[in-house]
């Protein structure tokens, strides 16, 4: 894809902050002290991450040896689900397989051989996040066919101070870890190469910097740890 700038995989070094410029905050929030392992997102051939359950999803939970416990329910806004005989279980941020395994663990004291399958039957609304130098930063619904430039336009467009040539895309990898890359959107934004626009995926984060970014990995690590406004999107993104 033309206009794509790739960065080498680098360790996360907070001391490298001076080399990349401090990411601005879209929201004031308590900083997370734990470090994040961030790697470079290679757009060509990027594996699609397994779907992670989010608030509002409808789940069908089936117990193969105990069909009387089969249930269909909606994930609550707090990300939890309620099950018979056991305490509430966290669903948001987990894959269906991981949630099924967790439910099996919960029922080992109640059932002889719990075998559970979780199926997402309805999606409660896919979301992405657009931040930085756009008119209205925040969470957006991921509608079919939404691209990186489309998300910026939905957020009110680039500000005059925006670095259109270095837009940062943060995406969760198949292991749930954040991956980041710098994308030159100049030709896409100017209409010369609209085919180079990037299709967004659930939980993608688009950040439009105001100044040049030297180390994308460090930028991503700092941006995520400094921009936690709360809400279901960030709770799910960080619940690896």
Foldseek 3Di string as FASTA:
>chain_A
DPLFDWDAFDFQDLVCCVVFPFFDEPDFDDFDPDFARETAQDPVPADDAADAAFFQWWKWKAWPVCRVQTDIDGQHQVQWDDGPPFHIDHRFLHHQVVVQVVVQVRCVVPDVGTGMGMDGPGHRFFKEWEEAQAQAGGIDTQDPPQWPQNVSVVRHHGDPLWQLSFKKKWDQGNVLGIHITTGNCVCCVVVNCVVPTGRDDGLMYIYTYSDGGDDGRNNVRSRLRRHDPDGRSNVSSPPD
